[in-house]
Amino acid sequence: MPTGRDAEALAAYVFAWHHHWPDSFERELGERGPEVIAWARSAAADDNRYIKLRRIAIERLAEIL
């Protein structure tokens, strides 16, 4: 698993995907979804950084989902 800044960025993508495209998230991750969300919670340490990263993630994911 990634650590540090990489983990924070990935966690932001996970939360954005889960929140804005829940059907796609569930379809792709299935029963592992809750495990991935739990990991993301543990990786998102800085709330201010998370907000910025999540906004970027939503923009990028909107282009591909």
PDB file of N, CA and C in Angstrom:
ATOM      1  N   MET A   1       0.832  -1.178   0.000  1.00  0.00           N
ATOM      2  CA  MET A   1       0.000   0.000   0.000  1.00  0.00           C
ATOM      3  C   MET A   1       0.879   1.245   0.000  1.00  0.00           C
ATOM      4  N   PRO A   2       0.405   2.294  -0.660  1.00  0.00           N
ATOM      5  CA  PRO A   2       1.178   3.534  -0.643  1.00  0.00           C
ATOM      6  C   PRO A   2       1.193   4.166   0.746  1.00  0.00           C
ATOM      7  N   THR A   3       2.142   5.035   0.949  1.00  0.00           N
ATOM      8  CA  THR A   3       2.251   5.747   2.225  1.00  0.00           C
ATOM      9  C   THR A   3       2.441   7.232   1.956  1.00  0.00           C
ATOM     10  N   GLY A   4       2.349   8.027   3.016  1.00  0.00           N
ATOM     11  CA  GLY A   4       2.613   9.459   2.920  1.00  0.00           C
ATOM     12  C   GLY A   4       1.675  10.182   1.971  1.00  0.00           C
ATOM     13  N   ARG A   5       2.249  11.081   1.189  1.00  0.00           N
ATOM     14  CA  ARG A   5       1.466  11.906   0.269  1.00  0.00           C
ATOM     15  C   ARG A   5       0.746  11.068  -0.782  1.00  0.00           C
ATOM     16  N   ASP A   6       1.378   9.993  -1.240  1.00  0.00           N
ATOM     17  CA  ASP A   6       0.729   9.123  -2.225  1.00  0.00           C
ATOM     18  C   ASP A   6      -0.538   8.495  -1.644  1.00  0.00           C
ATOM     19  N   ALA A   7      -0.463   8.079  -0.386  1.00  0.00           N
ATOM     20  CA  ALA A   7      -1.630   7.484   0.269  1.00  0.00           C
ATOM     21  C   ALA A   7      -2.752   8.507   0.430  1.00  0.00           C
ATOM     22  N   GLU A   8      -2.388   9.734   0.781  1.00  0.00           N
ATOM     23  CA  GLU A   8      -3.403  10.788   0.926  1.00  0.00           C
ATOM     24  C   GLU A   8      -4.101  11.064  -0.405  1.00  0.00           C
ATOM     25  N   ALA A   9      -3.339  11.099  -1.477  1.00  0.00           N
ATOM     26  CA  ALA A   9      -3.920  11.343  -2.800  1.00  0.00           C
ATOM     27  C   ALA A   9      -4.843  10.194  -3.204  1.00  0.00           C
ATOM     28  N   LEU A  10      -4.396   8.969  -2.992  1.00  0.00           N
ATOM     29  CA  LEU A  10      -5.225   7.817  -3.337  1.00  0.00           C
ATOM     30  C   LEU A  10      -6.486   7.781  -2.488  1.00  0.00           C
ATOM     31  N   ALA A  11      -6.381   8.108  -1.223  1.00  0.00           N
ATOM     32  CA  ALA A  11      -7.561   8.136  -0.350  1.00  0.00           C
ATOM     33  C   ALA A  11      -8.578   9.154  -0.858  1.00  0.00           C
ATOM     34  N   ALA A  12      -8.118  10.302  -1.312  1.00  0.00           N
ATOM     35  CA  ALA A  12      -9.025  11.310  -1.860  1.00  0.00           C
ATOM     36  C   ALA A  12      -9.758  10.767  -3.084  1.00  0.00           C
ATOM     37  N   TYR A  13      -9.063  10.051  -3.947  1.00  0.00           N
ATOM     38  CA  TYR A  13      -9.700   9.444  -5.116  1.00  0.00           C
ATOM     39  C   TYR A  13     -10.734   8.408  -4.681  1.00  0.00           C
ATOM     40  N   VAL A  14     -10.386   7.582  -3.717  1.00  0.00           N
ATOM     41  CA  VAL A  14     -11.304   6.560  -3.228  1.00  0.00           C
ATOM     42  C   VAL A  14     -12.584   7.209  -2.692  1.00  0.00           C
ATOM     43  N   PHE A  15     -12.450   8.224  -1.849  1.00  0.00           N
ATOM     44  CA  PHE A  15     -13.634   8.891  -1.288  1.00  0.00           C
ATOM     45  C   PHE A  15     -14.459   9.576  -2.364  1.00  0.00           C
ATOM     46  N   ALA A  16     -13.804  10.244  -3.301  1.00  0.00           N
ATOM     47  CA  ALA A  16     -14.534  10.918  -4.376  1.00  0.00           C
ATOM     48  C   ALA A  16     -15.303   9.906  -5.221  1.00  0.00           C
ATOM     49  N   TRP A  17     -14.660   8.818  -5.570  1.00  0.00           N
ATOM     50  CA  TRP A  17     -15.294   7.770  -6.369  1.00  0.00           C
ATOM     51  C   TRP A  17     -16.481   7.194  -5.613  1.00  0.00           C
ATOM     52  N   HIS A  18     -16.287   6.858  -4.362  1.00  0.00           N
ATOM     53  CA  HIS A  18     -17.336   6.260  -3.539  1.00  0.00           C
ATOM     54  C   HIS A  18     -18.526   7.207  -3.375  1.00  0.00           C
ATOM     55  N   HIS A  19     -18.260   8.484  -3.161  1.00  0.00           N
ATOM     56  CA  HIS A  19     -19.330   9.449  -2.903  1.00  0.00           C
ATOM     57  C   HIS A  19     -20.085   9.859  -4.171  1.00  0.00           C
ATOM     58  N   HIS A  20     -19.366  10.117  -5.251  1.00  0.00           N
ATOM     59  CA  HIS A  20     -19.995  10.657  -6.455  1.00  0.00           C
ATOM     60  C   HIS A  20     -20.436   9.606  -7.464  1.00  0.00           C
ATOM     61  N   TRP A  21     -19.824   8.441  -7.456  1.00  0.00           N
ATOM     62  CA  TRP A  21     -20.167   7.369  -8.391  1.00  0.00           C
ATOM     63  C   TRP A  21     -20.289   6.046  -7.632  1.00  0.00           C
ATOM     64  N   PRO A  22     -21.238   5.962  -6.688  1.00  0.00           N
ATOM     65  CA  PRO A  22     -21.337   4.772  -5.830  1.00  0.00           C
ATOM     66  C   PRO A  22     -21.632   3.485  -6.595  1.00  0.00           C
ATOM     67  N   ASP A  23     -22.406   3.560  -7.656  1.00  0.00           N
ATOM     68  CA  ASP A  23     -22.703   2.342  -8.422  1.00  0.00           C
ATOM     69  C   ASP A  23     -21.443   1.784  -9.072  1.00  0.00           C
ATOM     70  N   SER A  24     -20.640   2.660  -9.644  1.00  0.00           N
ATOM     71  CA  SER A  24     -19.391   2.235 -10.261  1.00  0.00           C
ATOM     72  C   SER A  24     -18.432   1.679  -9.200  1.00  0.00           C
ATOM     73  N   PHE A  25     -18.353   2.361  -8.075  1.00  0.00           N
ATOM     74  CA  PHE A  25     -17.487   1.919  -6.979  1.00  0.00           C
ATOM     75  C   PHE A  25     -17.881   0.511  -6.537  1.00  0.00           C
ATOM     76  N   GLU A  26     -19.164   0.304  -6.301  1.00  0.00           N
ATOM     77  CA  GLU A  26     -19.664  -1.001  -5.849  1.00  0.00           C
ATOM     78  C   GLU A  26     -19.437  -2.079  -6.907  1.00  0.00           C
ATOM     79  N   ARG A  27     -19.692  -1.742  -8.154  1.00  0.00           N
ATOM     80  CA  ARG A  27     -19.529  -2.711  -9.236  1.00  0.00           C
ATOM     81  C   ARG A  27     -18.071  -3.170  -9.346  1.00  0.00           C
ATOM     82  N   GLU A  28     -17.148  -2.243  -9.222  1.00  0.00           N
ATOM     83  CA  GLU A  28     -15.731  -2.575  -9.383  1.00  0.00           C
ATOM     84  C   GLU A  28     -15.111  -3.220  -8.143  1.00  0.00           C
ATOM     85  N   LEU A  29     -15.498  -2.767  -6.955  1.00  0.00           N
ATOM     86  CA  LEU A  29     -14.851  -3.260  -5.738  1.00  0.00           C
ATOM     87  C   LEU A  29     -15.673  -4.290  -4.978  1.00  0.00           C
ATOM     88  N   GLY A  30     -16.986  -4.296  -5.207  1.00  0.00           N
ATOM     89  CA  GLY A  30     -17.839  -5.295  -4.584  1.00  0.00           C
ATOM     90  C   GLY A  30     -17.669  -5.381  -3.081  1.00  0.00           C
ATOM     91  N   GLU A  31     -17.489  -6.586  -2.600  1.00  0.00           N
ATOM     92  CA  GLU A  31     -17.410  -6.803  -1.148  1.00  0.00           C
ATOM     93  C   GLU A  31     -16.130  -6.245  -0.534  1.00  0.00           C
ATOM     94  N   ARG A  32     -15.151  -5.898  -1.337  1.00  0.00           N
ATOM     95  CA  ARG A  32     -13.914  -5.291  -0.809  1.00  0.00           C
ATOM     96  C   ARG A  32     -14.057  -3.789  -0.599  1.00  0.00           C
ATOM     97  N   GLY A  33     -15.165  -3.210  -1.061  1.00  0.00           N
ATOM     98  CA  GLY A  33     -15.387  -1.776  -0.920  1.00  0.00           C
ATOM     99  C   GLY A  33     -15.221  -1.264   0.499  1.00  0.00           C
ATOM    100  N   PRO A  34     -15.884  -1.876   1.497  1.00  0.00           N
ATOM    101  CA  PRO A  34     -15.724  -1.393   2.871  1.00  0.00           C
ATOM    102  C   PRO A  34     -14.272  -1.450   3.364  1.00  0.00           C
ATOM    103  N   GLU A  35     -13.541  -2.446   2.945  1.00  0.00           N
ATOM    104  CA  GLU A  35     -12.128  -2.552   3.328  1.00  0.00           C
ATOM    105  C   GLU A  35     -11.317  -1.392   2.730  1.00  0.00           C
ATOM    106  N   VAL A  36     -11.616  -1.057   1.492  1.00  0.00           N
ATOM    107  CA  VAL A  36     -10.918   0.043   0.824  1.00  0.00           C
ATOM    108  C   VAL A  36     -11.267   1.374   1.487  1.00  0.00           C
ATOM    109  N   ILE A  37     -12.527   1.573   1.826  1.00  0.00           N
ATOM    110  CA  ILE A  37     -12.945   2.794   2.512  1.00  0.00           C
ATOM    111  C   ILE A  37     -12.255   2.895   3.877  1.00  0.00           C
ATOM    112  N   ALA A  38     -12.176   1.792   4.599  1.00  0.00           N
ATOM    113  CA  ALA A  38     -11.504   1.797   5.906  1.00  0.00           C
ATOM    114  C   ALA A  38     -10.037   2.183   5.747  1.00  0.00           C
ATOM    115  N   TRP A  39      -9.375   1.642   4.720  1.00  0.00           N
ATOM    116  CA  TRP A  39      -7.988   2.008   4.482  1.00  0.00           C
ATOM    117  C   TRP A  39      -7.895   3.505   4.182  1.00  0.00           C
ATOM    118  N   ALA A  40      -8.795   4.022   3.343  1.00  0.00           N
ATOM    119  CA  ALA A  40      -8.762   5.435   2.966  1.00  0.00           C
ATOM    120  C   ALA A  40      -8.936   6.327   4.195  1.00  0.00           C
ATOM    121  N   ARG A  41      -9.818   5.931   5.107  1.00  0.00           N
ATOM    122  CA  ARG A  41      -9.996   6.719   6.336  1.00  0.00           C
ATOM    123  C   ARG A  41      -8.690   6.815   7.119  1.00  0.00           C
ATOM    124  N   SER A  42      -7.959   5.727   7.153  1.00  0.00           N
ATOM    125  CA  SER A  42      -6.705   5.728   7.906  1.00  0.00           C
ATOM    126  C   SER A  42      -5.609   6.519   7.201  1.00  0.00           C
ATOM    127  N   ALA A  43      -5.731   6.693   5.883  1.00  0.00           N
ATOM    128  CA  ALA A  43      -4.695   7.373   5.108  1.00  0.00           C
ATOM    129  C   ALA A  43      -4.929   8.877   4.975  1.00  0.00           C
ATOM    130  N   ALA A  44      -6.155   9.329   5.176  1.00  0.00           N
ATOM    131  CA  ALA A  44      -6.478  10.752   5.022  1.00  0.00           C
ATOM    132  C   ALA A  44      -6.219  11.468   6.345  1.00  0.00           C
ATOM    133  N   ALA A  45      -5.015  11.994   6.503  1.00  0.00           N
ATOM    134  CA  ALA A  45      -4.608  12.568   7.782  1.00  0.00           C
ATOM    135  C   ALA A  45      -4.849  14.064   7.890  1.00  0.00           C
ATOM    136  N   ASP A  46      -4.668  14.794   6.817  1.00  0.00           N
ATOM    137  CA  ASP A  46      -4.747  16.254   6.847  1.00  0.00           C
ATOM    138  C   ASP A  46      -6.036  16.709   6.161  1.00  0.00           C
ATOM    139  N   ASP A  47      -6.985  17.230   6.933  1.00  0.00           N
ATOM    140  CA  ASP A  47      -8.283  17.621   6.378  1.00  0.00           C
ATOM    141  C   ASP A  47      -8.165  18.679   5.284  1.00  0.00           C
ATOM    142  N   ASN A  48      -7.313  19.661   5.469  1.00  0.00           N
ATOM    143  CA  ASN A  48      -7.167  20.714   4.466  1.00  0.00           C
ATOM    144  C   ASN A  48      -6.605  20.167   3.156  1.00  0.00           C
ATOM    145  N   ARG A  49      -5.597  19.343   3.265  1.00  0.00           N
ATOM    146  CA  ARG A  49      -5.023  18.714   2.061  1.00  0.00           C
ATOM    147  C   ARG A  49      -6.035  17.802   1.404  1.00  0.00           C
ATOM    148  N   TYR A  50      -6.789  17.072   2.203  1.00  0.00           N
ATOM    149  CA  TYR A  50      -7.796  16.157   1.678  1.00  0.00           C
ATOM    150  C   TYR A  50      -8.821  16.898   0.820  1.00  0.00           C
ATOM    151  N   ILE A  51      -9.297  18.048   1.282  1.00  0.00           N
ATOM    152  CA  ILE A  51     -10.303  18.812   0.537  1.00  0.00           C
ATOM    153  C   ILE A  51      -9.771  19.197  -0.847  1.00  0.00           C
ATOM    154  N   LYS A  52      -8.546  19.663  -0.890  1.00  0.00           N
ATOM    155  CA  LYS A  52      -7.941  20.035  -2.175  1.00  0.00           C
ATOM    156  C   LYS A  52      -7.780  18.814  -3.068  1.00  0.00           C
ATOM    157  N   LEU A  53      -7.259  17.731  -2.519  1.00  0.00           N
ATOM    158  CA  LEU A  53      -7.045  16.517  -3.306  1.00  0.00           C
ATOM    159  C   LEU A  53      -8.360  15.930  -3.800  1.00  0.00           C
ATOM    160  N   ARG A  54      -9.390  15.999  -2.979  1.00  0.00           N
ATOM    161  CA  ARG A  54     -10.693  15.445  -3.371  1.00  0.00           C
ATOM    162  C   ARG A  54     -11.281  16.233  -4.540  1.00  0.00           C
ATOM    163  N   ARG A  55     -11.135  17.543  -4.511  1.00  0.00           N
ATOM    164  CA  ARG A  55     -11.623  18.369  -5.612  1.00  0.00           C
ATOM    165  C   ARG A  55     -10.921  17.981  -6.919  1.00  0.00           C
ATOM    166  N   ILE A  56      -9.627  17.777  -6.869  1.00  0.00           N
ATOM    167  CA  ILE A  56      -8.863  17.346  -8.043  1.00  0.00           C
ATOM    168  C   ILE A  56      -9.335  15.966  -8.490  1.00  0.00           C
ATOM    169  N   ALA A  57      -9.534  15.077  -7.538  1.00  0.00           N
ATOM    170  CA  ALA A  57      -9.974  13.718  -7.859  1.00  0.00           C
ATOM    171  C   ALA A  57     -11.321  13.730  -8.562  1.00  0.00           C
ATOM    172  N   ILE A  58     -12.254  14.534  -8.083  1.00  0.00           N
ATOM    173  CA  ILE A  58     -13.586  14.599  -8.700  1.00  0.00           C
ATOM    174  C   ILE A  58     -13.466  15.066 -10.150  1.00  0.00           C
ATOM    175  N   GLU A  59     -12.651  16.076 -10.396  1.00  0.00           N
ATOM    176  CA  GLU A  59     -12.463  16.562 -11.762  1.00  0.00           C
ATOM    177  C   GLU A  59     -11.914  15.474 -12.671  1.00  0.00           C
ATOM    178  N   ARG A  60     -10.925  14.759 -12.194  1.00  0.00           N
ATOM    179  CA  ARG A  60     -10.299  13.705 -13.012  1.00  0.00           C
ATOM    180  C   ARG A  60     -11.252  12.524 -13.228  1.00  0.00           C
ATOM    181  N   LEU A  61     -11.902  12.106 -12.157  1.00  0.00           N
ATOM    182  CA  LEU A  61     -12.823  10.971 -12.269  1.00  0.00           C
ATOM    183  C   LEU A  61     -14.010  11.295 -13.158  1.00  0.00           C
ATOM    184  N   ALA A  62     -14.472  12.528 -13.162  1.00  0.00           N
ATOM    185  CA  ALA A  62     -15.600  12.922 -14.010  1.00  0.00           C
ATOM    186  C   ALA A  62     -15.259  12.757 -15.485  1.00  0.00           C
ATOM    187  N   GLU A  63     -13.991  12.860 -15.815  1.00  0.00           N
ATOM    188  CA  GLU A  63     -13.561  12.687 -17.198  1.00  0.00           C
ATOM    189  C   GLU A  63     -13.600  11.230 -17.645  1.00  0.00           C
ATOM    190  N   ILE A  64     -13.447  10.296 -16.697  1.00  0.00           N
ATOM    191  CA  ILE A  64     -13.343   8.887 -17.090  1.00  0.00           C
ATOM    192  C   ILE A  64     -14.519   8.008 -16.677  1.00  0.00           C
ATOM    193  N   LEU A  65     -15.334   8.483 -15.724  1.00  0.00           N
ATOM    194  CA  LEU A  65     -16.455   7.645 -15.272  1.00  0.00           C
ATOM    195  C   LEU A  65     -17.766   8.091 -15.859  1.00  0.00           C
TER     196      LEU A  65
END
